PDB file of all heavy atoms in Angstrom:
ATOM      1  N   VAL A   1     -26.742   2.674  -7.211  1.00  0.00           N
ATOM      2  CA  VAL A   1     -26.175   1.789  -8.246  1.00  0.00           C
ATOM      3  C   VAL A   1     -24.722   1.895  -8.110  1.00  0.00           C
ATOM      4  O   VAL A   1     -24.142   2.926  -8.037  1.00  0.00           O
ATOM      5  CB  VAL A   1     -26.632   2.196  -9.762  1.00  0.00           C
ATOM      6  CG1 VAL A   1     -25.817   1.426 -10.717  1.00  0.00           C
ATOM      7  CG2 VAL A   1     -28.077   2.107  -9.993  1.00  0.00           C
ATOM      8  N   SER A   2     -24.135   0.713  -7.973  1.00  0.00           N
ATOM      9  CA  SER A   2     -22.671   0.607  -7.670  1.00  0.00           C
ATOM     10  C   SER A   2     -21.972  -0.160  -8.634  1.00  0.00           C
ATOM     11  O   SER A   2     -22.542  -1.140  -9.279  1.00  0.00           O
ATOM     12  CB  SER A   2     -22.511   0.017  -6.191  1.00  0.00           C
ATOM     13  OG  SER A   2     -23.010  -1.200  -6.168  1.00  0.00           O
ATOM     14  N   LEU A   3     -20.813   0.189  -8.933  1.00  0.00           N
ATOM     15  CA  LEU A   3     -19.779  -0.672  -9.785  1.00  0.00           C
ATOM     16  C   LEU A   3     -18.704  -1.030  -8.885  1.00  0.00           C
ATOM     17  O   LEU A   3     -18.059  -0.310  -8.133  1.00  0.00           O
ATOM     18  CB  LEU A   3     -19.273   0.243 -10.867  1.00  0.00           C
ATOM     19  CG  LEU A   3     -20.201   0.490 -12.036  1.00  0.00           C
ATOM     20  CD1 LEU A   3     -21.130   1.490 -11.757  1.00  0.00           C
ATOM     21  CD2 LEU A   3     -19.257   0.939 -13.270  1.00  0.00           C
ATOM     22  N   LEU A   4     -18.422  -2.427  -8.908  1.00  0.00           N
ATOM     23  CA  LEU A   4     -17.389  -2.889  -8.061  1.00  0.00           C
ATOM     24  C   LEU A   4     -16.441  -3.836  -8.878  1.00  0.00           C
ATOM     25  O   LEU A   4     -16.864  -4.493  -9.784  1.00  0.00           O
ATOM     26  CB  LEU A   4     -18.160  -3.885  -6.978  1.00  0.00           C
ATOM     27  CG  LEU A   4     -19.131  -3.130  -6.208  1.00  0.00           C
ATOM     28  CD1 LEU A   4     -20.034  -4.210  -5.406  1.00  0.00           C
ATOM     29  CD2 LEU A   4     -18.566  -2.277  -5.131  1.00  0.00           C
ATOM     30  N   ARG A   5     -15.201  -3.812  -8.420  1.00  0.00           N
ATOM     31  CA  ARG A   5     -14.310  -4.713  -9.046  1.00  0.00           C
ATOM     32  C   ARG A   5     -14.594  -6.157  -8.788  1.00  0.00           C
ATOM     33  O   ARG A   5     -15.086  -6.508  -7.678  1.00  0.00           O
ATOM     34  CB  ARG A   5     -12.797  -4.350  -8.584  1.00  0.00           C
ATOM     35  CG  ARG A   5     -12.499  -4.840  -7.312  1.00  0.00           C
ATOM     36  CD  ARG A   5     -11.000  -4.588  -6.859  1.00  0.00           C
ATOM     37  NE  ARG A   5     -10.650  -5.334  -5.712  1.00  0.00           N
ATOM     38  CZ  ARG A   5      -9.411  -5.234  -5.086  1.00  0.00           C
ATOM     39  NH1 ARG A   5      -8.493  -4.465  -5.809  1.00  0.00           N
ATOM     40  NH2 ARG A   5      -9.185  -5.879  -4.010  1.00  0.00           N
ATOM     41  N   SER A   6     -14.451  -6.964  -9.743  1.00  0.00           N
ATOM     42  CA  SER A   6     -14.722  -8.412  -9.574  1.00  0.00           C
ATOM     43  C   SER A   6     -13.497  -9.258  -9.797  1.00  0.00           C
ATOM     44  O   SER A   6     -13.696 -10.429 -10.061  1.00  0.00           O
ATOM     45  CB  SER A   6     -15.928  -8.936 -10.409  1.00  0.00           C
ATOM     46  OG  SER A   6     -15.686  -8.600 -11.849  1.00  0.00           O
ATOM     47  N   GLY A   7     -12.335  -8.664  -9.707  1.00  0.00           N
ATOM     48  CA  GLY A   7     -11.074  -9.310  -9.897  1.00  0.00           C
ATOM     49  C   GLY A   7     -10.129  -8.759  -8.838  1.00  0.00           C
ATOM     50  O   GLY A   7     -10.440  -7.953  -8.032  1.00  0.00           O
ATOM     51  N   PRO A   8      -8.823  -9.232  -8.850  1.00  0.00           N
ATOM     52  CA  PRO A   8      -7.906  -8.897  -7.832  1.00  0.00           C
ATOM     53  C   PRO A   8      -7.288  -7.425  -8.038  1.00  0.00           C
ATOM     54  O   PRO A   8      -6.845  -6.904  -7.054  1.00  0.00           O
ATOM     55  CB  PRO A   8      -6.799 -10.017  -8.017  1.00  0.00           C
ATOM     56  CG  PRO A   8      -6.892 -10.302  -9.487  1.00  0.00           C
ATOM     57  CD  PRO A   8      -8.320 -10.236  -9.768  1.00  0.00           C
ATOM     58  N   GLN A   9      -7.531  -6.885  -9.244  1.00  0.00           N
ATOM     59  CA  GLN A   9      -6.913  -5.528  -9.512  1.00  0.00           C
ATOM     60  C   GLN A   9      -7.949  -4.368  -9.388  1.00  0.00           C
ATOM     61  O   GLN A   9      -9.162  -4.599  -9.678  1.00  0.00           O
ATOM     62  CB  GLN A   9      -6.184  -5.566 -10.805  1.00  0.00           C
ATOM     63  CG  GLN A   9      -5.132  -6.462 -10.995  1.00  0.00           C
ATOM     64  CD  GLN A   9      -4.469  -6.454 -12.385  1.00  0.00           C
ATOM     65  OE1 GLN A   9      -5.141  -6.825 -13.336  1.00  0.00           O
ATOM     66  NE2 GLN A   9      -3.231  -6.057 -12.503  1.00  0.00           N
ATOM     67  N   ALA A  10      -7.500  -3.276  -9.084  1.00  0.00           N
ATOM     68  CA  ALA A  10      -8.368  -1.986  -9.162  1.00  0.00           C
ATOM     69  C   ALA A  10      -8.843  -1.872 -10.498  1.00  0.00           C
ATOM     70  O   ALA A  10      -8.264  -2.251 -11.538  1.00  0.00           O
ATOM     71  CB  ALA A  10      -7.550  -0.775  -8.575  1.00  0.00           C
ATOM     72  N   VAL A  11     -10.062  -1.228 -10.590  1.00  0.00           N
ATOM     73  CA  VAL A  11     -10.661  -0.944 -11.885  1.00  0.00           C
ATOM     74  C   VAL A  11     -10.326   0.485 -12.465  1.00  0.00           C
ATOM     75  O   VAL A  11      -9.947   1.357 -11.613  1.00  0.00           O
ATOM     76  CB  VAL A  11     -12.220  -1.143 -11.842  1.00  0.00           C
ATOM     77  CG1 VAL A  11     -12.499  -2.587 -11.455  1.00  0.00           C
ATOM     78  CG2 VAL A  11     -12.839  -0.176 -10.862  1.00  0.00           C
ATOM     79  N   ARG A  12     -10.484   0.637 -13.605  1.00  0.00           N
ATOM     80  CA  ARG A  12     -10.279   1.963 -14.285  1.00  0.00           C
ATOM     81  C   ARG A  12     -11.483   2.372 -14.950  1.00  0.00           C
ATOM     82  O   ARG A  12     -12.044   1.707 -15.866  1.00  0.00           O
ATOM     83  CB  ARG A  12      -9.029   1.832 -15.336  1.00  0.00           C
ATOM     84  CG  ARG A  12      -7.785   1.465 -14.700  1.00  0.00           C
ATOM     85  CD  ARG A  12      -6.764   1.081 -15.668  1.00  0.00           C
ATOM     86  NE  ARG A  12      -6.554   2.175 -16.726  1.00  0.00           N
ATOM     87  CZ  ARG A  12      -6.479   2.055 -17.994  1.00  0.00           C
ATOM     88  NH1 ARG A  12      -6.723   0.841 -18.559  1.00  0.00           N
ATOM     89  NH2 ARG A  12      -6.264   3.064 -18.847  1.00  0.00           N
ATOM     90  N   LEU A  13     -12.069   3.542 -14.559  1.00  0.00           N
ATOM     91  CA  LEU A  13     -13.326   3.964 -15.049  1.00  0.00           C
ATOM     92  C   LEU A  13     -13.224   5.354 -15.659  1.00  0.00           C
ATOM     93  O   LEU A  13     -12.464   6.266 -15.180  1.00  0.00           O
ATOM     94  CB  LEU A  13     -14.343   4.017 -13.877  1.00  0.00           C
ATOM     95  CG  LEU A  13     -14.617   2.704 -13.121  1.00  0.00           C
ATOM     96  CD1 LEU A  13     -15.503   3.119 -11.938  1.00  0.00           C
ATOM     97  CD2 LEU A  13     -15.201   1.610 -14.083  1.00  0.00           C
ATOM     98  N   ARG A  14     -13.919   5.597 -16.784  1.00  0.00           N
ATOM     99  CA  ARG A  14     -14.025   6.930 -17.312  1.00  0.00           C
ATOM    100  C   ARG A  14     -15.503   7.439 -16.959  1.00  0.00           C
ATOM    101  O   ARG A  14     -16.435   6.718 -17.061  1.00  0.00           O
ATOM    102  CB  ARG A  14     -13.881   6.952 -18.951  1.00  0.00           C
ATOM    103  CG  ARG A  14     -14.069   8.358 -19.493  1.00  0.00           C
ATOM    104  CD  ARG A  14     -14.167   8.245 -20.974  1.00  0.00           C
ATOM    105  NE  ARG A  14     -12.977   7.792 -21.571  1.00  0.00           N
ATOM    106  CZ  ARG A  14     -12.901   6.700 -22.321  1.00  0.00           C
ATOM    107  NH1 ARG A  14     -14.057   6.083 -22.585  1.00  0.00           N
ATOM    108  NH2 ARG A  14     -11.778   6.397 -22.787  1.00  0.00           N
ATOM    109  N   ILE A  15     -15.656   8.617 -16.455  1.00  0.00           N
ATOM    110  CA  ILE A  15     -16.878   9.141 -15.964  1.00  0.00           C
ATOM    111  C   ILE A  15     -17.272  10.233 -16.864  1.00  0.00           C
ATOM    112  O   ILE A  15     -16.644  11.271 -17.082  1.00  0.00           O
ATOM    113  CB  ILE A  15     -16.752   9.657 -14.564  1.00  0.00           C
ATOM    114  CG1 ILE A  15     -16.307   8.523 -13.593  1.00  0.00           C
ATOM    115  CG2 ILE A  15     -18.125  10.195 -14.042  1.00  0.00           C
ATOM    116  CD1 ILE A  15     -16.001   9.014 -12.176  1.00  0.00           C
ATOM    117  N   SER A  16     -18.547  10.210 -17.371  1.00  0.00           N
ATOM    118  CA  SER A  16     -19.126  11.290 -18.196  1.00  0.00           C
ATOM    119  C   SER A  16     -20.455  11.661 -17.480  1.00  0.00           C
ATOM    120  O   SER A  16     -21.156  10.875 -16.894  1.00  0.00           O
ATOM    121  CB  SER A  16     -19.428  10.779 -19.570  1.00  0.00           C
ATOM    122  OG  SER A  16     -18.382  10.334 -20.212  1.00  0.00           O
ATOM    123  N   VAL A  17     -20.777  12.975 -17.611  1.00  0.00           N
ATOM    124  CA  VAL A  17     -22.037  13.466 -17.067  1.00  0.00           C
ATOM    125  C   VAL A  17     -22.769  14.268 -18.168  1.00  0.00           C
ATOM    126  O   VAL A  17     -22.146  15.140 -18.708  1.00  0.00           O
ATOM    127  CB  VAL A  17     -21.769  14.399 -15.789  1.00  0.00           C
ATOM    128  CG1 VAL A  17     -23.146  14.998 -15.286  1.00  0.00           C
ATOM    129  CG2 VAL A  17     -21.012  13.733 -14.773  1.00  0.00           C
ATOM    130  N   ASP A  18     -23.978  13.769 -18.492  1.00  0.00           N
ATOM    131  CA  ASP A  18     -24.723  14.376 -19.496  1.00  0.00           C
ATOM    132  C   ASP A  18     -23.932  14.441 -20.825  1.00  0.00           C
ATOM    133  O   ASP A  18     -23.919  15.498 -21.576  1.00  0.00           O
ATOM    134  CB  ASP A  18     -25.267  15.841 -19.149  1.00  0.00           C
ATOM    135  CG  ASP A  18     -26.272  15.766 -18.059  1.00  0.00           C
ATOM    136  OD1 ASP A  18     -26.924  14.700 -17.968  1.00  0.00           O
ATOM    137  OD2 ASP A  18     -26.307  16.679 -17.242  1.00  0.00           O
ATOM    138  N   GLY A  19     -23.216  13.399 -21.139  1.00  0.00           N
ATOM    139  CA  GLY A  19     -22.568  13.314 -22.440  1.00  0.00           C
ATOM    140  C   GLY A  19     -21.162  14.022 -22.456  1.00  0.00           C
ATOM    141  O   GLY A  19     -20.516  13.880 -23.412  1.00  0.00           O
ATOM    142  N   ARG A  20     -20.756  14.538 -21.399  1.00  0.00           N
ATOM    143  CA  ARG A  20     -19.502  15.293 -21.313  1.00  0.00           C
ATOM    144  C   ARG A  20     -18.524  14.531 -20.433  1.00  0.00           C
ATOM    145  O   ARG A  20     -18.823  14.285 -19.228  1.00  0.00           O
ATOM    146  CB  ARG A  20     -19.650  16.797 -20.852  1.00  0.00           C
ATOM    147  CG  ARG A  20     -18.368  17.476 -20.797  1.00  0.00           C
ATOM    148  CD  ARG A  20     -18.675  18.889 -20.316  1.00  0.00           C
ATOM    149  NE  ARG A  20     -17.378  19.647 -20.218  1.00  0.00           N
ATOM    150  CZ  ARG A  20     -17.332  20.941 -19.776  1.00  0.00           C
ATOM    151  NH1 ARG A  20     -18.486  21.625 -19.618  1.00  0.00           N
ATOM    152  NH2 ARG A  20     -16.120  21.632 -19.665  1.00  0.00           N
ATOM    153  N   VAL A  21     -17.358  14.102 -20.926  1.00  0.00           N
ATOM    154  CA  VAL A  21     -16.316  13.493 -20.003  1.00  0.00           C
ATOM    155  C   VAL A  21     -15.863  14.410 -18.927  1.00  0.00           C
ATOM    156  O   VAL A  21     -15.338  15.505 -19.247  1.00  0.00           O
ATOM    157  CB  VAL A  21     -15.142  12.968 -20.863  1.00  0.00           C
ATOM    158  CG1 VAL A  21     -14.092  12.271 -19.952  1.00  0.00           C
ATOM    159  CG2 VAL A  21     -15.605  11.969 -21.917  1.00  0.00           C
ATOM    160  N   ARG A  22     -16.054  13.984 -17.664  1.00  0.00           N
ATOM    161  CA  ARG A  22     -15.629  14.739 -16.517  1.00  0.00           C
ATOM    162  C   ARG A  22     -14.300  14.298 -15.821  1.00  0.00           C
ATOM    163  O   ARG A  22     -13.726  14.951 -15.224  1.00  0.00           O
ATOM    164  CB  ARG A  22     -16.711  14.843 -15.528  1.00  0.00           C
ATOM    165  CG  ARG A  22     -17.983  15.597 -15.945  1.00  0.00           C
ATOM    166  CD  ARG A  22     -17.686  17.046 -16.122  1.00  0.00           C
ATOM    167  NE  ARG A  22     -18.814  17.874 -16.445  1.00  0.00           N
ATOM    168  CZ  ARG A  22     -18.835  19.151 -16.583  1.00  0.00           C
ATOM    169  NH1 ARG A  22     -17.712  19.959 -16.213  1.00  0.00           N
ATOM    170  NH2 ARG A  22     -19.924  19.923 -16.905  1.00  0.00           N
ATOM    171  N   MET A  23     -14.139  12.987 -16.064  1.00  0.00           N
ATOM    172  CA  MET A  23     -12.871  12.266 -15.486  1.00  0.00           C
ATOM    173  C   MET A  23     -12.462  11.222 -16.468  1.00  0.00           C
ATOM    174  O   MET A  23     -13.174  10.247 -16.729  1.00  0.00           O
ATOM    175  CB  MET A  23     -13.080  11.764 -14.130  1.00  0.00           C
ATOM    176  CG  MET A  23     -11.903  11.254 -13.462  1.00  0.00           C
ATOM    177  SD  MET A  23     -12.139  10.863 -11.702  1.00  0.00           S
ATOM    178  CE  MET A  23     -12.163  12.482 -10.966  1.00  0.00           C
ATOM    179  N   GLU A  24     -11.199  11.429 -17.040  1.00  0.00           N
ATOM    180  CA  GLU A  24     -10.751  10.535 -17.962  1.00  0.00           C
ATOM    181  C   GLU A  24     -10.437   9.181 -17.407  1.00  0.00           C
ATOM    182  O   GLU A  24     -10.621   8.089 -18.060  1.00  0.00           O
ATOM    183  CB  GLU A  24      -9.489  11.057 -18.623  1.00  0.00           C
ATOM    184  CG  GLU A  24      -9.724  12.220 -19.673  1.00  0.00           C
ATOM    185  CD  GLU A  24     -10.451  11.738 -20.931  1.00  0.00           C
ATOM    186  OE1 GLU A  24     -10.557  10.516 -21.210  1.00  0.00           O
ATOM    187  OE2 GLU A  24     -10.803  12.554 -21.802  1.00  0.00           O
ATOM    188  N   GLU A  25      -9.996   9.155 -16.189  1.00  0.00           N
ATOM    189  CA  GLU A  25      -9.585   7.878 -15.552  1.00  0.00           C
ATOM    190  C   GLU A  25      -9.725   7.968 -14.106  1.00  0.00           C
ATOM    191  O   GLU A  25      -9.073   8.877 -13.349  1.00  0.00           O
ATOM    192  CB  GLU A  25      -8.227   7.307 -15.955  1.00  0.00           C
ATOM    193  CG  GLU A  25      -7.912   6.005 -15.352  1.00  0.00           C
ATOM    194  CD  GLU A  25      -6.439   5.599 -15.693  1.00  0.00           C
ATOM    195  OE1 GLU A  25      -5.475   6.265 -15.206  1.00  0.00           O
ATOM    196  OE2 GLU A  25      -6.233   4.611 -16.523  1.00  0.00           O
ATOM    197  N   LEU A  26     -10.590   7.154 -13.468  1.00  0.00           N
ATOM    198  CA  LEU A  26     -10.589   6.991 -12.033  1.00  0.00           C
ATOM    199  C   LEU A  26     -10.139   5.474 -11.698  1.00  0.00           C
ATOM    200  O   LEU A  26     -10.728   4.571 -12.250  1.00  0.00           O
ATOM    201  CB  LEU A  26     -12.076   7.081 -11.517  1.00  0.00           C
ATOM    202  CG  LEU A  26     -12.242   6.873  -9.999  1.00  0.00           C
ATOM    203  CD1 LEU A  26     -11.498   7.661  -9.076  1.00  0.00           C
ATOM    204  CD2 LEU A  26     -13.779   6.867  -9.745  1.00  0.00           C
ATOM    205  N   VAL A  27      -9.032   5.430 -10.962  1.00  0.00           N
ATOM    206  CA  VAL A  27      -8.537   4.096 -10.552  1.00  0.00           C
ATOM    207  C   VAL A  27      -8.982   3.851  -9.129  1.00  0.00           C
ATOM    208  O   VAL A  27      -8.790   4.576  -8.181  1.00  0.00           O
ATOM    209  CB  VAL A  27      -7.023   3.961 -10.612  1.00  0.00           C
ATOM    210  CG1 VAL A  27      -6.517   2.630 -10.212  1.00  0.00           C
ATOM    211  CG2 VAL A  27      -6.579   4.261 -12.071  1.00  0.00           C
ATOM    212  N   CYS A  28      -9.795   2.842  -8.927  1.00  0.00           N
ATOM    213  CA  CYS A  28     -10.504   2.617  -7.659  1.00  0.00           C
ATOM    214  C   CYS A  28     -10.891   1.179  -7.425  1.00  0.00           C
ATOM    215  O   CYS A  28     -10.882   0.313  -8.342  1.00  0.00           O
ATOM    216  CB  CYS A  28     -11.628   3.486  -7.463  1.00  0.00           C
ATOM    217  SG  CYS A  28     -12.820   3.265  -8.924  1.00  0.00           S
ATOM    218  N   ASP A  29     -11.426   0.780  -6.254  1.00  0.00           N
ATOM    219  CA  ASP A  29     -12.172  -0.557  -6.066  1.00  0.00           C
ATOM    220  C   ASP A  29     -13.609  -0.408  -6.727  1.00  0.00           C
ATOM    221  O   ASP A  29     -14.162  -1.530  -7.034  1.00  0.00           O
ATOM    222  CB  ASP A  29     -12.256  -0.746  -4.580  1.00  0.00           C
ATOM    223  CG  ASP A  29     -10.992  -1.426  -4.095  1.00  0.00           C
ATOM    224  OD1 ASP A  29     -10.039  -1.720  -4.940  1.00  0.00           O
ATOM    225  OD2 ASP A  29     -10.803  -1.618  -2.823  1.00  0.00           O
ATOM    226  N   GLY A  30     -14.157   0.753  -6.836  1.00  0.00           N
ATOM    227  CA  GLY A  30     -15.528   0.850  -7.401  1.00  0.00           C
ATOM    228  C   GLY A  30     -16.063   2.278  -7.207  1.00  0.00           C
ATOM    229  O   GLY A  30     -15.322   3.172  -6.729  1.00  0.00           O
ATOM    230  N   ALA A  31     -17.204   2.429  -7.706  1.00  0.00           N
ATOM    231  CA  ALA A  31     -17.932   3.743  -7.537  1.00  0.00           C
ATOM    232  C   ALA A  31     -19.379   3.610  -7.569  1.00  0.00           C
ATOM    233  O   ALA A  31     -19.885   2.569  -7.947  1.00  0.00           O
ATOM    234  CB  ALA A  31     -17.497   4.652  -8.770  1.00  0.00           C
ATOM    235  N   LEU A  32     -20.070   4.466  -7.030  1.00  0.00           N
ATOM    236  CA  LEU A  32     -21.563   4.407  -6.942  1.00  0.00           C
ATOM    237  C   LEU A  32     -22.240   5.762  -7.120  1.00  0.00           C
ATOM    238  O   LEU A  32     -21.587   6.825  -6.915  1.00  0.00           O
ATOM    239  CB  LEU A  32     -21.953   3.800  -5.585  1.00  0.00           C
ATOM    240  CG  LEU A  32     -21.656   4.593  -4.301  1.00  0.00           C
ATOM    241  CD1 LEU A  32     -22.653   5.591  -3.924  1.00  0.00           C
ATOM    242  CD2 LEU A  32     -21.566   3.577  -3.125  1.00  0.00           C
ATOM    243  N   VAL A  33     -23.518   5.726  -7.533  1.00  0.00           N
ATOM    244  CA  VAL A  33     -24.327   6.820  -7.576  1.00  0.00           C
ATOM    245  C   VAL A  33     -25.538   6.588  -6.649  1.00  0.00           C
ATOM    246  O   VAL A  33     -26.146   5.557  -6.645  1.00  0.00           O
ATOM    247  CB  VAL A  33     -24.898   7.139  -8.992  1.00  0.00           C
ATOM    248  CG1 VAL A  33     -25.874   8.285  -9.051  1.00  0.00           C
ATOM    249  CG2 VAL A  33     -23.697   7.499  -9.888  1.00  0.00           C
ATOM    250  N   SER A  34     -25.803   7.486  -5.726  1.00  0.00           N
ATOM    251  CA  SER A  34     -26.718   7.362  -4.664  1.00  0.00           C
ATOM    252  C   SER A  34     -27.880   8.371  -4.709  1.00  0.00           C
ATOM    253  O   SER A  34     -27.564   9.502  -4.996  1.00  0.00           O
ATOM    254  CB  SER A  34     -26.086   7.430  -3.267  1.00  0.00           C
ATOM    255  OG  SER A  34     -26.963   7.357  -2.163  1.00  0.00           O
ATOM    256  N   THR A  35     -29.063   8.004  -4.331  1.00  0.00           N
ATOM    257  CA  THR A  35     -30.131   8.888  -4.158  1.00  0.00           C
ATOM    258  C   THR A  35     -30.000   9.508  -2.706  1.00  0.00           C
ATOM    259  O   THR A  35     -29.228   8.906  -1.884  1.00  0.00           O
ATOM    260  CB  THR A  35     -31.613   8.107  -4.239  1.00  0.00           C
ATOM    261  OG1 THR A  35     -31.580   7.172  -3.152  1.00  0.00           O
ATOM    262  CG2 THR A  35     -31.606   7.410  -5.580  1.00  0.00           C
ATOM    263  N   PRO A  36     -30.825  10.507  -2.431  1.00  0.00           N
ATOM    264  CA  PRO A  36     -30.803  10.946  -0.982  1.00  0.00           C
ATOM    265  C   PRO A  36     -31.254   9.854  -0.027  1.00  0.00           C
ATOM    266  O   PRO A  36     -30.607   9.733   1.088  1.00  0.00           O
ATOM    267  CB  PRO A  36     -31.741  12.157  -1.014  1.00  0.00           C
ATOM    268  CG  PRO A  36     -31.680  12.751  -2.380  1.00  0.00           C
ATOM    269  CD  PRO A  36     -31.432  11.432  -3.252  1.00  0.00           C
ATOM    270  N   ALA A  37     -32.218   9.186  -0.387  1.00  0.00           N
ATOM    271  CA  ALA A  37     -32.707   8.080   0.505  1.00  0.00           C
ATOM    272  C   ALA A  37     -31.682   7.013   0.718  1.00  0.00           C
ATOM    273  O   ALA A  37     -31.616   6.422   1.922  1.00  0.00           O
ATOM    274  CB  ALA A  37     -34.019   7.362  -0.080  1.00  0.00           C
TER     275      ALA A  37
END
């Protein structure tokens, strides 16, 4: 599952794992979560 910017600017994402915020701000073109396959 991927998140991608759909505009000209980088996106800002907050990342939480199991309800706990692990990263307040990630500035990037996108992010993804991948299975081993």
